[in-house]
PDB file of N, CA and C in Angstrom:
ATOM      1  N   MET A   1      45.837   4.339 -89.031  1.00  0.00           N
ATOM      2  CA  MET A   1      46.722   4.805 -88.007  1.00  0.00           C
ATOM      3  C   MET A   1      48.130   4.932 -88.596  1.00  0.00           C
ATOM      4  N   ALA A   2      48.732   6.063 -88.417  1.00  0.00           N
ATOM      5  CA  ALA A   2      50.076   6.296 -88.936  1.00  0.00           C
ATOM      6  C   ALA A   2      51.090   5.501 -88.128  1.00  0.00           C
ATOM      7  N   PRO A   3      52.169   5.059 -88.778  1.00  0.00           N
ATOM      8  CA  PRO A   3      53.192   4.341 -88.029  1.00  0.00           C
ATOM      9  C   PRO A   3      53.894   5.263 -87.038  1.00  0.00           C
ATOM     10  N   ARG A   4      54.389   4.684 -85.979  1.00  0.00           N
ATOM     11  CA  ARG A   4      55.228   5.417 -85.036  1.00  0.00           C
ATOM     12  C   ARG A   4      56.666   5.219 -85.457  1.00  0.00           C
ATOM     13  N   VAL A   5      57.512   6.144 -85.082  1.00  0.00           N
ATOM     14  CA  VAL A   5      58.940   6.034 -85.370  1.00  0.00           C
ATOM     15  C   VAL A   5      59.676   5.930 -84.042  1.00  0.00           C
ATOM     16  N   LEU A   6      60.592   4.982 -83.988  1.00  0.00           N
ATOM     17  CA  LEU A   6      61.417   4.766 -82.804  1.00  0.00           C
ATOM     18  C   LEU A   6      62.872   4.759 -83.239  1.00  0.00           C
ATOM     19  N   VAL A   7      63.715   5.484 -82.532  1.00  0.00           N
ATOM     20  CA  VAL A   7      65.155   5.405 -82.750  1.00  0.00           C
ATOM     21  C   VAL A   7      65.716   4.654 -81.552  1.00  0.00           C
ATOM     22  N   ASP A   8      66.338   3.484 -81.818  1.00  0.00           N
ATOM     23  CA  ASP A   8      66.805   2.651 -80.715  1.00  0.00           C
ATOM     24  C   ASP A   8      68.121   3.159 -80.138  1.00  0.00           C
ATOM     25  N   GLU A   9      68.634   2.454 -79.148  1.00  0.00           N
ATOM     26  CA  GLU A   9      69.847   2.872 -78.440  1.00  0.00           C
ATOM     27  C   GLU A   9      71.087   2.897 -79.324  1.00  0.00           C
ATOM     28  N   ASN A  10      71.011   2.237 -80.501  1.00  0.00           N
ATOM     29  CA  ASN A  10      72.129   2.241 -81.453  1.00  0.00           C
ATOM     30  C   ASN A  10      71.941   3.267 -82.567  1.00  0.00           C
ATOM     31  N   GLY A  11      70.880   4.063 -82.466  1.00  0.00           N
ATOM     32  CA  GLY A  11      70.614   5.077 -83.477  1.00  0.00           C
ATOM     33  C   GLY A  11      69.895   4.558 -84.706  1.00  0.00           C
ATOM     34  N   VAL A  12      69.392   3.319 -84.650  1.00  0.00           N
ATOM     35  CA  VAL A  12      68.666   2.723 -85.779  1.00  0.00           C
ATOM     36  C   VAL A  12      67.217   3.199 -85.724  1.00  0.00           C
ATOM     37  N   ARG A  13      66.723   3.646 -86.876  1.00  0.00           N
ATOM     38  CA  ARG A  13      65.347   4.136 -86.998  1.00  0.00           C
ATOM     39  C   ARG A  13      64.424   2.982 -87.370  1.00  0.00           C
ATOM     40  N   TRP A  14      63.364   2.801 -86.593  1.00  0.00           N
ATOM     41  CA  TRP A  14      62.377   1.752 -86.815  1.00  0.00           C
ATOM     42  C   TRP A  14      61.002   2.376 -87.032  1.00  0.00           C
ATOM     43  N   GLU A  15      60.273   1.877 -88.016  1.00  0.00           N
ATOM     44  CA  GLU A  15      58.861   2.224 -88.166  1.00  0.00           C
ATOM     45  C   GLU A  15      58.069   1.125 -87.480  1.00  0.00           C
ATOM     46  N   VAL A  16      57.128   1.520 -86.648  1.00  0.00           N
ATOM     47  CA  VAL A  16      56.336   0.580 -85.866  1.00  0.00           C
ATOM     48  C   VAL A  16      54.876   0.768 -86.246  1.00  0.00           C
ATOM     49  N   ARG A  17      54.225  -0.331 -86.622  1.00  0.00           N
ATOM     50  CA  ARG A  17      52.814  -0.249 -86.984  1.00  0.00           C
ATOM     51  C   ARG A  17      52.079  -1.518 -86.579  1.00  0.00           C
ATOM     52  N   LEU A  18      50.801  -1.369 -86.386  1.00  0.00           N
ATOM     53  CA  LEU A  18      49.934  -2.496 -86.068  1.00  0.00           C
ATOM     54  C   LEU A  18      49.468  -3.141 -87.363  1.00  0.00           C
ATOM     55  N   ILE A  19      49.589  -4.455 -87.437  1.00  0.00           N
ATOM     56  CA  ILE A  19      49.117  -5.214 -88.595  1.00  0.00           C
ATOM     57  C   ILE A  19      48.004  -6.144 -88.118  1.00  0.00           C
ATOM     58  N   ILE A  20      46.860  -6.083 -88.791  1.00  0.00           N
ATOM     59  CA  ILE A  20      45.729  -6.959 -88.489  1.00  0.00           C
ATOM     60  C   ILE A  20      45.368  -7.702 -89.774  1.00  0.00           C
ATOM     61  N   PRO A  21      45.410  -9.047 -89.762  1.00  0.00           N
ATOM     62  CA  PRO A  21      45.036  -9.775 -90.981  1.00  0.00           C
ATOM     63  C   PRO A  21      43.551  -9.624 -91.269  1.00  0.00           C
ATOM     64  N   THR A  22      43.198  -9.549 -92.529  1.00  0.00           N
ATOM     65  CA  THR A  22      41.791  -9.486 -92.898  1.00  0.00           C
ATOM     66  C   THR A  22      41.242 -10.898 -93.034  1.00  0.00           C
ATOM     67  N   THR A  23      39.998 -11.025 -92.723  1.00  0.00           N
ATOM     68  CA  THR A  23      39.281 -12.291 -92.898  1.00  0.00           C
ATOM     69  C   THR A  23      37.907 -11.940 -93.445  1.00  0.00           C
ATOM     70  N   PRO A  24      37.189 -12.917 -93.960  1.00  0.00           N
ATOM     71  CA  PRO A  24      35.843 -12.612 -94.440  1.00  0.00           C
ATOM     72  C   PRO A  24      34.952 -12.008 -93.361  1.00  0.00           C
ATOM     73  N   ASN A  25      35.207 -12.351 -92.091  1.00  0.00           N
ATOM     74  CA  ASN A  25      34.385 -11.845 -90.996  1.00  0.00           C
ATOM     75  C   ASN A  25      34.926 -10.569 -90.369  1.00  0.00           C
ATOM     76  N   ARG A  26      36.083 -10.096 -90.838  1.00  0.00           N
ATOM     77  CA  ARG A  26      36.670  -8.892 -90.263  1.00  0.00           C
ATOM     78  C   ARG A  26      37.076  -7.962 -91.415  1.00  0.00           C
ATOM     79  N   PRO A  27      36.129  -7.173 -91.921  1.00  0.00           N
ATOM     80  CA  PRO A  27      36.442  -6.308 -93.061  1.00  0.00           C
ATOM     81  C   PRO A  27      37.377  -5.171 -92.673  1.00  0.00           C
ATOM     82  N   PHE A  28      38.001  -4.597 -93.686  1.00  0.00           N
ATOM     83  CA  PHE A  28      38.908  -3.461 -93.490  1.00  0.00           C
ATOM     84  C   PHE A  28      38.140  -2.293 -92.883  1.00  0.00           C
ATOM     85  N   GLU A  29      38.685  -1.711 -91.821  1.00  0.00           N
ATOM     86  CA  GLU A  29      38.046  -0.589 -91.140  1.00  0.00           C
ATOM     87  C   GLU A  29      38.783   0.718 -91.376  1.00  0.00           C
ATOM     88  N   GLY A  30      39.902   0.666 -92.093  1.00  0.00           N
ATOM     89  CA  GLY A  30      40.628   1.885 -92.399  1.00  0.00           C
ATOM     90  C   GLY A  30      41.472   2.420 -91.265  1.00  0.00           C
ATOM     91  N   LYS A  31      41.610   1.681 -90.176  1.00  0.00           N
ATOM     92  CA  LYS A  31      42.345   2.177 -89.022  1.00  0.00           C
ATOM     93  C   LYS A  31      43.771   1.659 -88.956  1.00  0.00           C
ATOM     94  N   VAL A  32      44.010   0.473 -89.485  1.00  0.00           N
ATOM     95  CA  VAL A  32      45.329  -0.134 -89.430  1.00  0.00           C
ATOM     96  C   VAL A  32      45.632  -0.789 -90.768  1.00  0.00           C
ATOM     97  N   LEU A  33      46.889  -1.074 -90.992  1.00  0.00           N
ATOM     98  CA  LEU A  33      47.286  -1.792 -92.194  1.00  0.00           C
ATOM     99  C   LEU A  33      46.811  -3.232 -92.073  1.00  0.00           C
ATOM    100  N   ARG A  34      46.227  -3.751 -93.126  1.00  0.00           N
ATOM    101  CA  ARG A  34      45.709  -5.116 -93.086  1.00  0.00           C
ATOM    102  C   ARG A  34      46.300  -5.938 -94.215  1.00  0.00           C
ATOM    103  N   HIS A  35      46.489  -7.207 -93.951  1.00  0.00           N
ATOM    104  CA  HIS A  35      46.982  -8.166 -94.940  1.00  0.00           C
ATOM    105  C   HIS A  35      45.986  -9.303 -95.036  1.00  0.00           C
ATOM    106  N   SER A  36      45.864  -9.872 -96.215  1.00  0.00           N
ATOM    107  CA  SER A  36      45.006 -11.041 -96.360  1.00  0.00           C
ATOM    108  C   SER A  36      45.891 -12.256 -96.583  1.00  0.00           C
ATOM    109  N   GLY A  37      45.352 -13.407 -96.332  1.00  0.00           N
ATOM    110  CA  GLY A  37      46.104 -14.639 -96.516  1.00  0.00           C
ATOM    111  C   GLY A  37      46.007 -15.515 -95.283  1.00  0.00           C
ATOM    112  N   ALA A  38      46.685 -16.656 -95.348  1.00  0.00           N
ATOM    113  CA  ALA A  38      46.670 -17.592 -94.234  1.00  0.00           C
ATOM    114  C   ALA A  38      47.766 -17.227 -93.244  1.00  0.00           C
ATOM    115  N   TYR A  39      47.414 -17.206 -91.978  1.00  0.00           N
ATOM    116  CA  TYR A  39      48.360 -16.852 -90.927  1.00  0.00           C
ATOM    117  C   TYR A  39      48.309 -17.888 -89.822  1.00  0.00           C
ATOM    118  N   PRO A  40      49.435 -18.102 -89.150  1.00  0.00           N
ATOM    119  CA  PRO A  40      49.402 -18.989 -87.983  1.00  0.00           C
ATOM    120  C   PRO A  40      48.447 -18.440 -86.930  1.00  0.00           C
ATOM    121  N   ARG A  41      47.910 -19.304 -86.128  1.00  0.00           N
ATOM    122  CA  ARG A  41      46.949 -18.917 -85.098  1.00  0.00           C
ATOM    123  C   ARG A  41      47.485 -17.803 -84.206  1.00  0.00           C
ATOM    124  N   ALA A  42      48.769 -17.830 -83.891  1.00  0.00           N
ATOM    125  CA  ALA A  42      49.366 -16.816 -83.015  1.00  0.00           C
ATOM    126  C   ALA A  42      49.292 -15.407 -83.614  1.00  0.00           C
ATOM    127  N   LEU A  43      49.103 -15.322 -84.927  1.00  0.00           N
ATOM    128  CA  LEU A  43      49.078 -14.018 -85.592  1.00  0.00           C
ATOM    129  C   LEU A  43      47.680 -13.570 -86.007  1.00  0.00           C
ATOM    130  N   GLU A  44      46.680 -14.407 -85.810  1.00  0.00           N
ATOM    131  CA  GLU A  44      45.356 -14.082 -86.355  1.00  0.00           C
ATOM    132  C   GLU A  44      44.720 -12.843 -85.735  1.00  0.00           C
ATOM    133  N   ASN A  45      45.156 -12.440 -84.545  1.00  0.00           N
ATOM    134  CA  ASN A  45      44.621 -11.227 -83.926  1.00  0.00           C
ATOM    135  C   ASN A  45      45.530 -10.026 -84.121  1.00  0.00           C
ATOM    136  N   GLY A  46      46.551 -10.183 -84.932  1.00  0.00           N
ATOM    137  CA  GLY A  46      47.419  -9.065 -85.266  1.00  0.00           C
ATOM    138  C   GLY A  46      48.730  -9.065 -84.506  1.00  0.00           C
ATOM    139  N   TRP A  47      49.611  -8.152 -84.949  1.00  0.00           N
ATOM    140  CA  TRP A  47      50.939  -8.041 -84.377  1.00  0.00           C
ATOM    141  C   TRP A  47      51.490  -6.648 -84.596  1.00  0.00           C
ATOM    142  N   LEU A  48      52.554  -6.331 -83.863  1.00  0.00           N
ATOM    143  CA  LEU A  48      53.301  -5.107 -84.115  1.00  0.00           C
ATOM    144  C   LEU A  48      54.421  -5.443 -85.071  1.00  0.00           C
ATOM    145  N   SER A  49      54.564  -4.646 -86.093  1.00  0.00           N
ATOM    146  CA  SER A  49      55.648  -4.795 -87.052  1.00  0.00           C
ATOM    147  C   SER A  49      56.662  -3.689 -86.790  1.00  0.00           C
ATOM    148  N   PHE A  50      57.924  -4.078 -86.617  1.00  0.00           N
ATOM    149  CA  PHE A  50      59.041  -3.145 -86.445  1.00  0.00           C
ATOM    150  C   PHE A  50      59.914  -3.299 -87.680  1.00  0.00           C
ATOM    151  N   GLU A  51      60.126  -2.208 -88.420  1.00  0.00           N
ATOM    152  CA  GLU A  51      60.928  -2.317 -89.634  1.00  0.00           C
ATOM    153  C   GLU A  51      61.970  -1.212 -89.695  1.00  0.00           C
ATOM    154  N   SER A  52      63.233  -1.649 -89.860  1.00  0.00           N
ATOM    155  CA  SER A  52      64.354  -0.728 -90.042  1.00  0.00           C
ATOM    156  C   SER A  52      64.845  -0.896 -91.474  1.00  0.00           C
ATOM    157  N   PRO A  53      65.824  -0.113 -91.894  1.00  0.00           N
ATOM    158  CA  PRO A  53      66.342  -0.298 -93.254  1.00  0.00           C
ATOM    159  C   PRO A  53      66.925  -1.691 -93.497  1.00  0.00           C
ATOM    160  N   THR A  54      67.353  -2.382 -92.453  1.00  0.00           N
ATOM    161  CA  THR A  54      68.017  -3.677 -92.644  1.00  0.00           C
ATOM    162  C   THR A  54      67.339  -4.857 -91.972  1.00  0.00           C
ATOM    163  N   GLU A  55      66.326  -4.625 -91.162  1.00  0.00           N
ATOM    164  CA  GLU A  55      65.738  -5.717 -90.390  1.00  0.00           C
ATOM    165  C   GLU A  55      64.242  -5.501 -90.186  1.00  0.00           C
ATOM    166  N   LYS A  56      63.550  -6.621 -90.004  1.00  0.00           N
ATOM    167  CA  LYS A  56      62.125  -6.580 -89.694  1.00  0.00           C
ATOM    168  C   LYS A  56      61.877  -7.513 -88.514  1.00  0.00           C
ATOM    169  N   ARG A  57      61.058  -7.046 -87.563  1.00  0.00           N
ATOM    170  CA  ARG A  57      60.705  -7.849 -86.400  1.00  0.00           C
ATOM    171  C   ARG A  57      59.201  -7.814 -86.190  1.00  0.00           C
ATOM    172  N   ARG A  58      58.703  -8.829 -85.461  1.00  0.00           N
ATOM    173  CA  ARG A  58      57.274  -8.957 -85.228  1.00  0.00           C
ATOM    174  C   ARG A  58      57.043  -9.316 -83.761  1.00  0.00           C
ATOM    175  N   LEU A  59      56.056  -8.667 -83.157  1.00  0.00           N
ATOM    176  CA  LEU A  59      55.663  -8.968 -81.781  1.00  0.00           C
ATOM    177  C   LEU A  59      54.177  -9.277 -81.769  1.00  0.00           C
ATOM    178  N   ALA A  60      53.852 -10.525 -81.386  1.00  0.00           N
ATOM    179  CA  ALA A  60      52.452 -10.944 -81.338  1.00  0.00           C
ATOM    180  C   ALA A  60      52.165 -11.573 -79.984  1.00  0.00           C
ATOM    181  N   PRO A  61      51.017 -11.254 -79.446  1.00  0.00           N
ATOM    182  CA  PRO A  61      50.068 -10.253 -79.927  1.00  0.00           C
ATOM    183  C   PRO A  61      50.582  -8.848 -79.641  1.00  0.00           C
ATOM    184  N   ALA A  62      49.991  -7.882 -80.309  1.00  0.00           N
ATOM    185  CA  ALA A  62      50.363  -6.483 -80.077  1.00  0.00           C
ATOM    186  C   ALA A  62      49.960  -6.087 -78.663  1.00  0.00           C
ATOM    187  N   PRO A  63      50.870  -5.489 -77.908  1.00  0.00           N
ATOM    188  CA  PRO A  63      50.529  -5.074 -76.542  1.00  0.00           C
ATOM    189  C   PRO A  63      49.452  -3.993 -76.540  1.00  0.00           C
ATOM    190  N   GLU A  64      48.532  -4.091 -75.586  1.00  0.00           N
ATOM    191  CA  GLU A  64      47.509  -3.054 -75.431  1.00  0.00           C
ATOM    192  C   GLU A  64      48.187  -1.707 -75.192  1.00  0.00           C
ATOM    193  N   GLY A  65      47.680  -0.674 -75.804  1.00  0.00           N
ATOM    194  CA  GLY A  65      48.195   0.666 -75.586  1.00  0.00           C
ATOM    195  C   GLY A  65      49.536   0.952 -76.219  1.00  0.00           C
ATOM    196  N   TRP A  66      49.977   0.110 -77.156  1.00  0.00           N
ATOM    197  CA  TRP A  66      51.284   0.311 -77.776  1.00  0.00           C
ATOM    198  C   TRP A  66      51.378   1.677 -78.435  1.00  0.00           C
ATOM    199  N   ASP A  67      50.258   2.142 -79.003  1.00  0.00           N
ATOM    200  CA  ASP A  67      50.263   3.398 -79.754  1.00  0.00           C
ATOM    201  C   ASP A  67      50.433   4.621 -78.862  1.00  0.00           C
ATOM    202  N   SER A  68      50.194   4.469 -77.568  1.00  0.00           N
ATOM    203  CA  SER A  68      50.405   5.586 -76.651  1.00  0.00           C
ATOM    204  C   SER A  68      51.548   5.302 -75.674  1.00  0.00           C
ATOM    205  N   ALA A  69      52.259   4.202 -75.886  1.00  0.00           N
ATOM    206  CA  ALA A  69      53.377   3.835 -75.011  1.00  0.00           C
ATOM    207  C   ALA A  69      54.525   4.837 -75.178  1.00  0.00           C
ATOM    208  N   SER A  70      55.314   4.975 -74.132  1.00  0.00           N
ATOM    209  CA  SER A  70      56.490   5.847 -74.199  1.00  0.00           C
ATOM    210  C   SER A  70      57.531   5.222 -75.135  1.00  0.00           C
ATOM    211  N   ASP A  71      58.504   6.013 -75.539  1.00  0.00           N
ATOM    212  CA  ASP A  71      59.573   5.483 -76.383  1.00  0.00           C
ATOM    213  C   ASP A  71      60.325   4.362 -75.666  1.00  0.00           C
ATOM    214  N   GLU A  72      60.483   4.476 -74.349  1.00  0.00           N
ATOM    215  CA  GLU A  72      61.166   3.437 -73.577  1.00  0.00           C
ATOM    216  C   GLU A  72      60.370   2.128 -73.602  1.00  0.00           C
ATOM    217  N   GLU A  73      59.055   2.239 -73.471  1.00  0.00           N
ATOM    218  CA  GLU A  73      58.212   1.046 -73.535  1.00  0.00           C
ATOM    219  C   GLU A  73      58.243   0.440 -74.934  1.00  0.00           C
ATOM    220  N   LEU A  74      58.211   1.286 -75.960  1.00  0.00           N
ATOM    221  CA  LEU A  74      58.271   0.802 -77.332  1.00  0.00           C
ATOM    222  C   LEU A  74      59.601   0.095 -77.588  1.00  0.00           C
ATOM    223  N   ALA A  75      60.698   0.637 -77.044  1.00  0.00           N
ATOM    224  CA  ALA A  75      62.013   0.003 -77.184  1.00  0.00           C
ATOM    225  C   ALA A  75      62.023  -1.365 -76.496  1.00  0.00           C
ATOM    226  N   ALA A  76      61.326  -1.494 -75.367  1.00  0.00           N
ATOM    227  CA  ALA A  76      61.227  -2.790 -74.687  1.00  0.00           C
ATOM    228  C   ALA A  76      60.442  -3.782 -75.539  1.00  0.00           C
ATOM    229  N   PHE A  77      59.386  -3.314 -76.202  1.00  0.00           N
ATOM    230  CA  PHE A  77      58.633  -4.182 -77.113  1.00  0.00           C
ATOM    231  C   PHE A  77      59.533  -4.646 -78.255  1.00  0.00           C
ATOM    232  N   LEU A  78      60.345  -3.736 -78.780  1.00  0.00           N
ATOM    233  CA  LEU A  78      61.265  -4.074 -79.876  1.00  0.00           C
ATOM    234  C   LEU A  78      62.205  -5.190 -79.454  1.00  0.00           C
ATOM    235  N   LYS A  79      62.712  -5.137 -78.237  1.00  0.00           N
ATOM    236  CA  LYS A  79      63.636  -6.172 -77.751  1.00  0.00           C
ATOM    237  C   LYS A  79      62.951  -7.530 -77.634  1.00  0.00           C
ATOM    238  N   ARG A  80      61.643  -7.541 -77.389  1.00  0.00           N
ATOM    239  CA  ARG A  80      60.891  -8.799 -77.296  1.00  0.00           C
ATOM    240  C   ARG A  80      60.485  -9.342 -78.661  1.00  0.00           C
ATOM    241  N   ALA A  81      60.507  -8.482 -79.678  1.00  0.00           N
ATOM    242  CA  ALA A  81      60.034  -8.874 -81.010  1.00  0.00           C
ATOM    243  C   ALA A  81      61.005  -9.858 -81.661  1.00  0.00           C
ATOM    244  N   VAL A  82      60.437 -10.726 -82.495  1.00  0.00           N
ATOM    245  CA  VAL A  82      61.183 -11.784 -83.184  1.00  0.00           C
ATOM    246  C   VAL A  82      61.552 -11.307 -84.586  1.00  0.00           C
ATOM    247  N   SER A  83      62.785 -11.557 -84.976  1.00  0.00           N
ATOM    248  CA  SER A  83      63.246 -11.203 -86.321  1.00  0.00           C
ATOM    249  C   SER A  83      62.567 -12.076 -87.359  1.00  0.00           C
ATOM    250  N   VAL A  84      62.104 -11.448 -88.451  1.00  0.00           N
ATOM    251  CA  VAL A  84      61.455 -12.171 -89.550  1.00  0.00           C
ATOM    252  C   VAL A  84      62.072 -11.705 -90.859  1.00  0.00           C
ATOM    253  N   PRO A  85      61.989 -12.525 -91.915  1.00  0.00           N
ATOM    254  CA  PRO A  85      62.555 -12.114 -93.200  1.00  0.00           C
ATOM    255  C   PRO A  85      61.826 -10.901 -93.765  1.00  0.00           C
ATOM    256  N   LYS A  86      62.593  -9.997 -94.366  1.00  0.00           N
ATOM    257  CA  LYS A  86      61.991  -8.855 -95.060  1.00  0.00           C
ATOM    258  C   LYS A  86      61.531  -9.317 -96.427  1.00  0.00           C
ATOM    259  N   ARG A  87      60.405  -8.797 -96.869  1.00  0.00           N
ATOM    260  CA  ARG A  87      59.920  -9.107 -98.224  1.00  0.00           C
ATOM    261  C   ARG A  87      60.720  -8.280 -99.222  1.00  0.00           C
ATOM    262  N   LEU A  88      61.031  -8.897-100.327  1.00  0.00           N
ATOM    263  CA  LEU A  88      61.718  -8.190-101.401  1.00  0.00           C
ATOM    264  C   LEU A  88      60.686  -7.618-102.351  1.00  0.00           C
ATOM    265  N   ASN A  89      60.861  -6.383-102.763  1.00  0.00           N
ATOM    266  CA  ASN A  89      59.935  -5.765-103.732  1.00  0.00           C
ATOM    267  C   ASN A  89      60.288  -6.248-105.120  1.00  0.00           C
ATOM    268  N   GLY A  90      59.247  -6.510-105.912  1.00  0.00           N
ATOM    269  CA  GLY A  90      59.448  -6.911-107.292  1.00  0.00           C
ATOM    270  C   GLY A  90      59.538  -8.350-107.405  1.00  0.00           C
TER     271      GLY A  90
END
């Protein structure tokens, strides 16, 4: 599934995507981005990742129908999402 793009009320561009952790019992299905590793219980069923050039946020669990939600609904999800550290490349 391709990420959605949201431009918030401040003009900041966010990429929004569903993240589902992989487990031995849940193989990659090619529909969403998957990560392997240990995750807190609250994240084991996946989350929405919001990423801008300067910030990353996470909303768990991912709301049903997020991929067809209006931009206004997506912006409301963004406001509920928790800020998390961005990973550094390299």
